[in-house]
Amino acid sequence: MNFLIVFNHPFKGSYCNALLQAVKEGLEVSQHSVDVIHLDNEQFNPVMSAEDLRSFRDKKTIDPQVIAYKQRLERADHLVFIFPIWWELMPALMKGFIDKVIFPGLAYDYANEKHTRMKPLLNNIKRITVITTMNTPRCIYQWIFGNAIQKALLRGVFWKLGYKNRKWISFNRVKMVSAKQREKWLKEIITKFSKL
């Protein structure tokens, strides 16, 4: 199986980076193919320019980096997103990836003339997993802040596009838990991805 990991965290010593390494280690055990888009290292430009918006209307991206990402997406069976939750949302690079890559004519098209229904164009992708870290307790994120990632990304993007197999793995209170707990979570991720 071909895995494409879309990663966003600028600090090499972050827990997100440790999770990235754990996912890769698990996938290597099961001998899957792994490709990583590291948005920070690849200096991805998340800004939608006027030209990008014109190309959105025309359903033909003009960003050469996005065109290269399209080729990598077309080889993937399973997409994995790894990023921190900052101020209850994804960082700018990850949001920009969604804006510029989940693009009409590239990732989806409209299923009717009124543009009320969408259909995915990347039919090779069978599963989507989102892995996040945050310092907010799970119950507060869900009940006070409204579970923004679930609503915006898993439902607002991937459910709307028709992907049925979606999973969110959230690590909460990361700075507050013990080093032993963080290590336990990493081992669980290795085991989980080694069994896919």
C-alpha atoms as a PDB file:
ATOM      1  CA  MET A   1       0.000   0.000   0.000  1.00  0.00           C
ATOM      2  CA  ASN A   2       1.191   3.526  -0.788  1.00  0.00           C
ATOM      3  CA  PHE A   3       0.998   6.036   2.061  1.00  0.00           C
ATOM      4  CA  LEU A   4       1.310   9.766   1.570  1.00  0.00           C
ATOM      5  CA  ILE A   5       1.930  11.721   4.780  1.00  0.00           C
ATOM      6  CA  VAL A   6       1.262  15.464   4.759  1.00  0.00           C
ATOM      7  CA  PHE A   7       3.205  16.929   7.695  1.00  0.00           C
ATOM      8  CA  ASN A   8       3.274  20.414   9.195  1.00  0.00           C
ATOM      9  CA  HIS A   9       5.369  21.442  12.182  1.00  0.00           C
ATOM     10  CA  PRO A  10       8.377  23.772  11.974  1.00  0.00           C
ATOM     11  CA  PHE A  11      10.212  22.460  15.072  1.00  0.00           C
ATOM     12  CA  LYS A  12      12.260  19.256  14.684  1.00  0.00           C
ATOM     13  CA  GLY A  13      11.984  18.514  18.410  1.00  0.00           C
ATOM     14  CA  SER A  14       8.172  18.661  18.449  1.00  0.00           C
ATOM     15  CA  TYR A  15       5.933  15.805  19.517  1.00  0.00           C
ATOM     16  CA  CYS A  16       4.367  15.979  16.040  1.00  0.00           C
ATOM     17  CA  ASN A  17       7.794  15.136  14.622  1.00  0.00           C
ATOM     18  CA  ALA A  18       8.062  12.182  17.026  1.00  0.00           C
ATOM     19  CA  LEU A  19       4.629  11.020  15.806  1.00  0.00           C
ATOM     20  CA  LEU A  20       5.793  11.322  12.189  1.00  0.00           C
ATOM     21  CA  GLN A  21       8.780   9.085  12.954  1.00  0.00           C
ATOM     22  CA  ALA A  22       6.502   6.593  14.762  1.00  0.00           C
ATOM     23  CA  VAL A  23       4.087   6.417  11.815  1.00  0.00           C
ATOM     24  CA  LYS A  24       6.985   5.863   9.403  1.00  0.00           C
ATOM     25  CA  GLU A  25       8.488   3.188  11.662  1.00  0.00           C
ATOM     26  CA  GLY A  26       5.186   1.326  11.835  1.00  0.00           C
ATOM     27  CA  LEU A  27       4.697   1.487   8.069  1.00  0.00           C
ATOM     28  CA  GLU A  28       8.249   0.277   7.441  1.00  0.00           C
ATOM     29  CA  VAL A  29       7.562  -2.789   9.623  1.00  0.00           C
ATOM     30  CA  SER A  30       4.644  -3.691   7.369  1.00  0.00           C
ATOM     31  CA  GLN A  31       6.697  -2.808   4.268  1.00  0.00           C
ATOM     32  CA  HIS A  32       4.374  -0.139   2.916  1.00  0.00           C
ATOM     33  CA  SER A  33       5.612   2.543   0.553  1.00  0.00           C
ATOM     34  CA  VAL A  34       5.893   5.931   2.336  1.00  0.00           C
ATOM     35  CA  ASP A  35       6.099   9.411   0.829  1.00  0.00           C
ATOM     36  CA  VAL A  36       6.219  12.513   3.063  1.00  0.00           C
ATOM     37  CA  ILE A  37       5.219  16.026   2.076  1.00  0.00           C
ATOM     38  CA  HIS A  38       6.905  18.136   4.767  1.00  0.00           C
ATOM     39  CA  LEU A  39       5.232  21.496   4.187  1.00  0.00           C
ATOM     40  CA  ASP A  40       7.758  23.418   6.324  1.00  0.00           C
ATOM     41  CA  ASN A  41      10.870  21.881   4.752  1.00  0.00           C
ATOM     42  CA  GLU A  42       9.444  22.190   1.248  1.00  0.00           C
ATOM     43  CA  GLN A  43       8.671  25.889   1.857  1.00  0.00           C
ATOM     44  CA  PHE A  44       5.093  25.493   0.687  1.00  0.00           C
ATOM     45  CA  ASN A  45       3.378  28.818  -0.031  1.00  0.00           C
ATOM     46  CA  PRO A  46      -0.102  28.609   1.546  1.00  0.00           C
ATOM     47  CA  VAL A  47      -1.397  31.925   0.188  1.00  0.00           C
ATOM     48  CA  MET A  48      -4.170  31.897  -2.408  1.00  0.00           C
ATOM     49  CA  SER A  49      -3.273  34.674  -4.840  1.00  0.00           C
ATOM     50  CA  ALA A  50      -5.612  36.350  -7.330  1.00  0.00           C
ATOM     51  CA  GLU A  51      -4.077  34.110 -10.012  1.00  0.00           C
ATOM     52  CA  ASP A  52      -4.756  31.017  -7.880  1.00  0.00           C
ATOM     53  CA  LEU A  53      -8.401  32.063  -7.504  1.00  0.00           C
ATOM     54  CA  ARG A  54      -8.725  32.561 -11.250  1.00  0.00           C
ATOM     55  CA  SER A  55      -7.295  29.084 -11.789  1.00  0.00           C
ATOM     56  CA  PHE A  56      -9.752  27.767  -9.150  1.00  0.00           C
ATOM     57  CA  ARG A  57     -12.593  29.077 -11.319  1.00  0.00           C
ATOM     58  CA  ASP A  58     -11.003  27.482 -14.392  1.00  0.00           C
ATOM     59  CA  LYS A  59     -10.351  24.197 -12.494  1.00  0.00           C
ATOM     60  CA  LYS A  60      -6.685  24.246 -13.493  1.00  0.00           C
ATOM     61  CA  THR A  61      -4.042  24.940 -10.883  1.00  0.00           C
ATOM     62  CA  ILE A  62      -1.072  27.075 -11.885  1.00  0.00           C
ATOM     63  CA  ASP A  63       1.152  26.543  -8.817  1.00  0.00           C
ATOM     64  CA  PRO A  64       4.048  24.229  -9.867  1.00  0.00           C
ATOM     65  CA  GLN A  65       4.378  22.881  -6.333  1.00  0.00           C
ATOM     66  CA  VAL A  66       0.686  21.953  -6.267  1.00  0.00           C
ATOM     67  CA  ILE A  67       1.031  20.244  -9.665  1.00  0.00           C
ATOM     68  CA  ALA A  68       3.888  18.157  -8.214  1.00  0.00           C
ATOM     69  CA  TYR A  69       1.747  17.330  -5.141  1.00  0.00           C
ATOM     70  CA  LYS A  70      -1.035  16.159  -7.470  1.00  0.00           C
ATOM     71  CA  GLN A  71       1.290  13.533  -8.949  1.00  0.00           C
ATOM     72  CA  ARG A  72       2.178  12.318  -5.460  1.00  0.00           C
ATOM     73  CA  LEU A  73      -1.507  12.219  -4.434  1.00  0.00           C
ATOM     74  CA  GLU A  74      -2.319  10.129  -7.515  1.00  0.00           C
ATOM     75  CA  ARG A  75       0.051   7.410  -6.264  1.00  0.00           C
ATOM     76  CA  ALA A  76      -1.436   7.259  -2.738  1.00  0.00           C
ATOM     77  CA  ASP A  77      -3.847   4.684  -1.325  1.00  0.00           C
ATOM     78  CA  HIS A  78      -3.909   6.171   2.175  1.00  0.00           C
ATOM     79  CA  LEU A  79      -3.485   9.840   3.145  1.00  0.00           C
ATOM     80  CA  VAL A  80      -2.156  10.722   6.613  1.00  0.00           C
ATOM     81  CA  PHE A  81      -2.151  14.295   7.923  1.00  0.00           C
ATOM     82  CA  ILE A  82      -0.012  15.154  10.981  1.00  0.00           C
ATOM     83  CA  PHE A  83      -0.103  18.626  12.520  1.00  0.00           C
ATOM     84  CA  PRO A  84      -0.564  20.512  15.814  1.00  0.00           C
ATOM     85  CA  ILE A  85      -3.755  22.302  16.738  1.00  0.00           C
ATOM     86  CA  TRP A  86      -2.968  25.953  17.464  1.00  0.00           C
ATOM     87  CA  TRP A  87      -5.748  28.258  18.658  1.00  0.00           C
ATOM     88  CA  GLU A  88      -8.214  25.411  18.023  1.00  0.00           C
ATOM     89  CA  LEU A  89      -7.317  25.131  14.303  1.00  0.00           C
ATOM     90  CA  MET A  90      -4.644  23.794  11.984  1.00  0.00           C
ATOM     91  CA  PRO A  91      -1.524  25.890  11.247  1.00  0.00           C
ATOM     92  CA  ALA A  92      -1.501  28.163   8.185  1.00  0.00           C
ATOM     93  CA  LEU A  93       0.598  25.823   6.017  1.00  0.00           C
ATOM     94  CA  MET A  94      -1.856  22.944   6.513  1.00  0.00           C
ATOM     95  CA  LYS A  95      -4.868  25.183   5.849  1.00  0.00           C
ATOM     96  CA  GLY A  96      -3.115  26.476   2.731  1.00  0.00           C
ATOM     97  CA  PHE A  97      -2.511  22.891   1.572  1.00  0.00           C
ATOM     98  CA  ILE A  98      -6.245  22.211   1.858  1.00  0.00           C
ATOM     99  CA  ASP A  99      -7.097  25.469   0.056  1.00  0.00           C
ATOM    100  CA  LYS A 100      -4.614  25.036  -2.791  1.00  0.00           C
ATOM    101  CA  VAL A 101      -4.454  21.249  -3.259  1.00  0.00           C
ATOM    102  CA  ILE A 102      -8.006  20.108  -2.513  1.00  0.00           C
ATOM    103  CA  PHE A 103      -8.840  21.988  -5.668  1.00  0.00           C
ATOM    104  CA  PRO A 104     -11.507  21.597  -8.385  1.00  0.00           C
ATOM    105  CA  GLY A 105     -10.168  19.720 -11.360  1.00  0.00           C
ATOM    106  CA  LEU A 106      -7.390  18.267  -9.197  1.00  0.00           C
ATOM    107  CA  ALA A 107      -8.957  16.635  -6.132  1.00  0.00           C
ATOM    108  CA  TYR A 108     -12.648  16.929  -6.958  1.00  0.00           C
ATOM    109  CA  ASP A 109     -15.233  18.068  -9.451  1.00  0.00           C
ATOM    110  CA  TYR A 110     -18.887  18.954  -9.141  1.00  0.00           C
ATOM    111  CA  ALA A 111     -21.381  16.144  -9.619  1.00  0.00           C
ATOM    112  CA  ASN A 112     -24.140  18.434 -10.908  1.00  0.00           C
ATOM    113  CA  GLU A 113     -24.532  21.731 -12.762  1.00  0.00           C
ATOM    114  CA  LYS A 114     -25.685  23.639  -9.670  1.00  0.00           C
ATOM    115  CA  HIS A 115     -22.415  22.788  -7.876  1.00  0.00           C
ATOM    116  CA  THR A 116     -24.323  21.465  -4.850  1.00  0.00           C
ATOM    117  CA  ARG A 117     -22.681  18.030  -4.858  1.00  0.00           C
ATOM    118  CA  MET A 118     -19.026  17.053  -5.210  1.00  0.00           C
ATOM    119  CA  LYS A 119     -17.259  13.925  -6.369  1.00  0.00           C
ATOM    120  CA  PRO A 120     -13.638  12.992  -5.655  1.00  0.00           C
ATOM    121  CA  LEU A 121     -11.229  12.750  -8.573  1.00  0.00           C
ATOM    122  CA  LEU A 122      -8.522  11.018  -6.522  1.00  0.00           C
ATOM    123  CA  ASN A 123     -10.365   7.697  -6.442  1.00  0.00           C
ATOM    124  CA  ASN A 124      -7.135   5.868  -5.676  1.00  0.00           C
ATOM    125  CA  ILE A 125      -7.316   7.186  -2.070  1.00  0.00           C
ATOM    126  CA  LYS A 126      -9.158   4.667   0.088  1.00  0.00           C
ATOM    127  CA  ARG A 127      -8.460   5.955   3.609  1.00  0.00           C
ATOM    128  CA  ILE A 128      -7.703   9.257   5.326  1.00  0.00           C
ATOM    129  CA  THR A 129      -6.173   9.501   8.802  1.00  0.00           C
ATOM    130  CA  VAL A 130      -5.658  12.788  10.652  1.00  0.00           C
ATOM    131  CA  ILE A 131      -3.248  12.839  13.622  1.00  0.00           C
ATOM    132  CA  THR A 132      -3.156  15.965  15.782  1.00  0.00           C
ATOM    133  CA  THR A 133      -1.588  17.222  18.981  1.00  0.00           C
ATOM    134  CA  MET A 134      -2.921  19.889  21.312  1.00  0.00           C
ATOM    135  CA  ASN A 135      -2.702  21.020  24.914  1.00  0.00           C
ATOM    136  CA  THR A 136      -6.458  21.463  25.326  1.00  0.00           C
ATOM    137  CA  PRO A 137      -8.327  18.662  27.164  1.00  0.00           C
ATOM    138  CA  ARG A 138     -10.477  16.572  24.803  1.00  0.00           C
ATOM    139  CA  CYS A 139     -13.794  17.421  26.510  1.00  0.00           C
ATOM    140  CA  ILE A 140     -13.095  21.182  26.406  1.00  0.00           C
ATOM    141  CA  TYR A 141     -12.074  20.998  22.740  1.00  0.00           C
ATOM    142  CA  GLN A 142     -15.267  19.130  21.918  1.00  0.00           C
ATOM    143  CA  TRP A 143     -17.845  20.902  24.067  1.00  0.00           C
ATOM    144  CA  ILE A 144     -16.506  24.457  24.430  1.00  0.00           C
ATOM    145  CA  PHE A 145     -14.658  24.969  21.133  1.00  0.00           C
ATOM    146  CA  GLY A 146     -16.946  22.802  19.004  1.00  0.00           C
ATOM    147  CA  ASN A 147     -14.520  20.191  17.686  1.00  0.00           C
ATOM    148  CA  ALA A 148     -13.310  22.463  14.868  1.00  0.00           C
ATOM    149  CA  ILE A 149     -11.001  19.908  13.181  1.00  0.00           C
ATOM    150  CA  GLN A 150     -13.768  17.298  13.042  1.00  0.00           C
ATOM    151  CA  LYS A 151     -16.203  19.808  11.561  1.00  0.00           C
ATOM    152  CA  ALA A 152     -13.858  21.625   9.180  1.00  0.00           C
ATOM    153  CA  LEU A 153     -11.535  18.876   7.937  1.00  0.00           C
ATOM    154  CA  LEU A 154     -13.064  15.447   8.394  1.00  0.00           C
ATOM    155  CA  ARG A 155     -16.618  16.508   7.576  1.00  0.00           C
ATOM    156  CA  GLY A 156     -16.273  19.886   5.865  1.00  0.00           C
ATOM    157  CA  VAL A 157     -13.680  18.623   3.389  1.00  0.00           C
ATOM    158  CA  PHE A 158     -13.398  14.830   3.216  1.00  0.00           C
ATOM    159  CA  TRP A 159     -16.973  13.782   4.029  1.00  0.00           C
ATOM    160  CA  LYS A 160     -18.242  16.407   1.584  1.00  0.00           C
ATOM    161  CA  LEU A 161     -15.966  14.910  -1.089  1.00  0.00           C
ATOM    162  CA  GLY A 162     -17.363  11.434  -0.436  1.00  0.00           C
ATOM    163  CA  TYR A 163     -14.479   9.733   1.380  1.00  0.00           C
ATOM    164  CA  LYS A 164     -16.083   7.232   3.742  1.00  0.00           C
ATOM    165  CA  ASN A 165     -13.051   5.832   5.548  1.00  0.00           C
ATOM    166  CA  ARG A 166     -11.902   8.752   7.728  1.00  0.00           C
ATOM    167  CA  LYS A 167     -10.215   8.573  11.126  1.00  0.00           C
ATOM    168  CA  TRP A 168      -8.979  11.202  13.578  1.00  0.00           C
ATOM    169  CA  ILE A 169      -6.377  10.376  16.231  1.00  0.00           C
ATOM    170  CA  SER A 170      -6.067  13.246  18.709  1.00  0.00           C
ATOM    171  CA  PHE A 171      -3.367  13.514  21.373  1.00  0.00           C
ATOM    172  CA  ASN A 172      -4.522  15.980  24.007  1.00  0.00           C
ATOM    173  CA  ARG A 173      -2.788  17.722  26.920  1.00  0.00           C
ATOM    174  CA  VAL A 174       0.553  16.831  25.338  1.00  0.00           C
ATOM    175  CA  LYS A 175       2.624  19.247  27.442  1.00  0.00           C
ATOM    176  CA  MET A 176       0.843  18.242  30.652  1.00  0.00           C
ATOM    177  CA  VAL A 177       1.176  14.461  30.466  1.00  0.00           C
ATOM    178  CA  SER A 178       4.280  12.583  31.561  1.00  0.00           C
ATOM    179  CA  ALA A 179       7.155  11.626  29.277  1.00  0.00           C
ATOM    180  CA  LYS A 180       6.165   8.025  29.976  1.00  0.00           C
ATOM    181  CA  GLN A 181       2.656   8.664  28.612  1.00  0.00           C
ATOM    182  CA  ARG A 182       4.017  10.361  25.496  1.00  0.00           C
ATOM    183  CA  GLU A 183       6.338   7.391  24.916  1.00  0.00           C
ATOM    184  CA  LYS A 184       3.391   5.016  25.358  1.00  0.00           C
ATOM    185  CA  TRP A 185       1.421   6.921  22.722  1.00  0.00           C
ATOM    186  CA  LEU A 186       4.335   6.649  20.277  1.00  0.00           C
ATOM    187  CA  LYS A 187       4.513   2.876  20.778  1.00  0.00           C
ATOM    188  CA  GLU A 188       0.766   2.623  20.190  1.00  0.00           C
ATOM    189  CA  ILE A 189       1.130   4.536  16.905  1.00  0.00           C
ATOM    190  CA  ILE A 190       3.967   2.254  15.763  1.00  0.00           C
ATOM    191  CA  THR A 191       1.836  -0.794  16.544  1.00  0.00           C
ATOM    192  CA  LYS A 192      -1.285   0.648  14.887  1.00  0.00           C
ATOM    193  CA  PHE A 193       0.513   1.514  11.636  1.00  0.00           C
ATOM    194  CA  SER A 194       2.481  -1.732  11.571  1.00  0.00           C
ATOM    195  CA  LYS A 195      -0.859  -3.595  11.408  1.00  0.00           C
ATOM    196  CA  LEU A 196      -2.300  -1.700   8.441  1.00  0.00           C
END
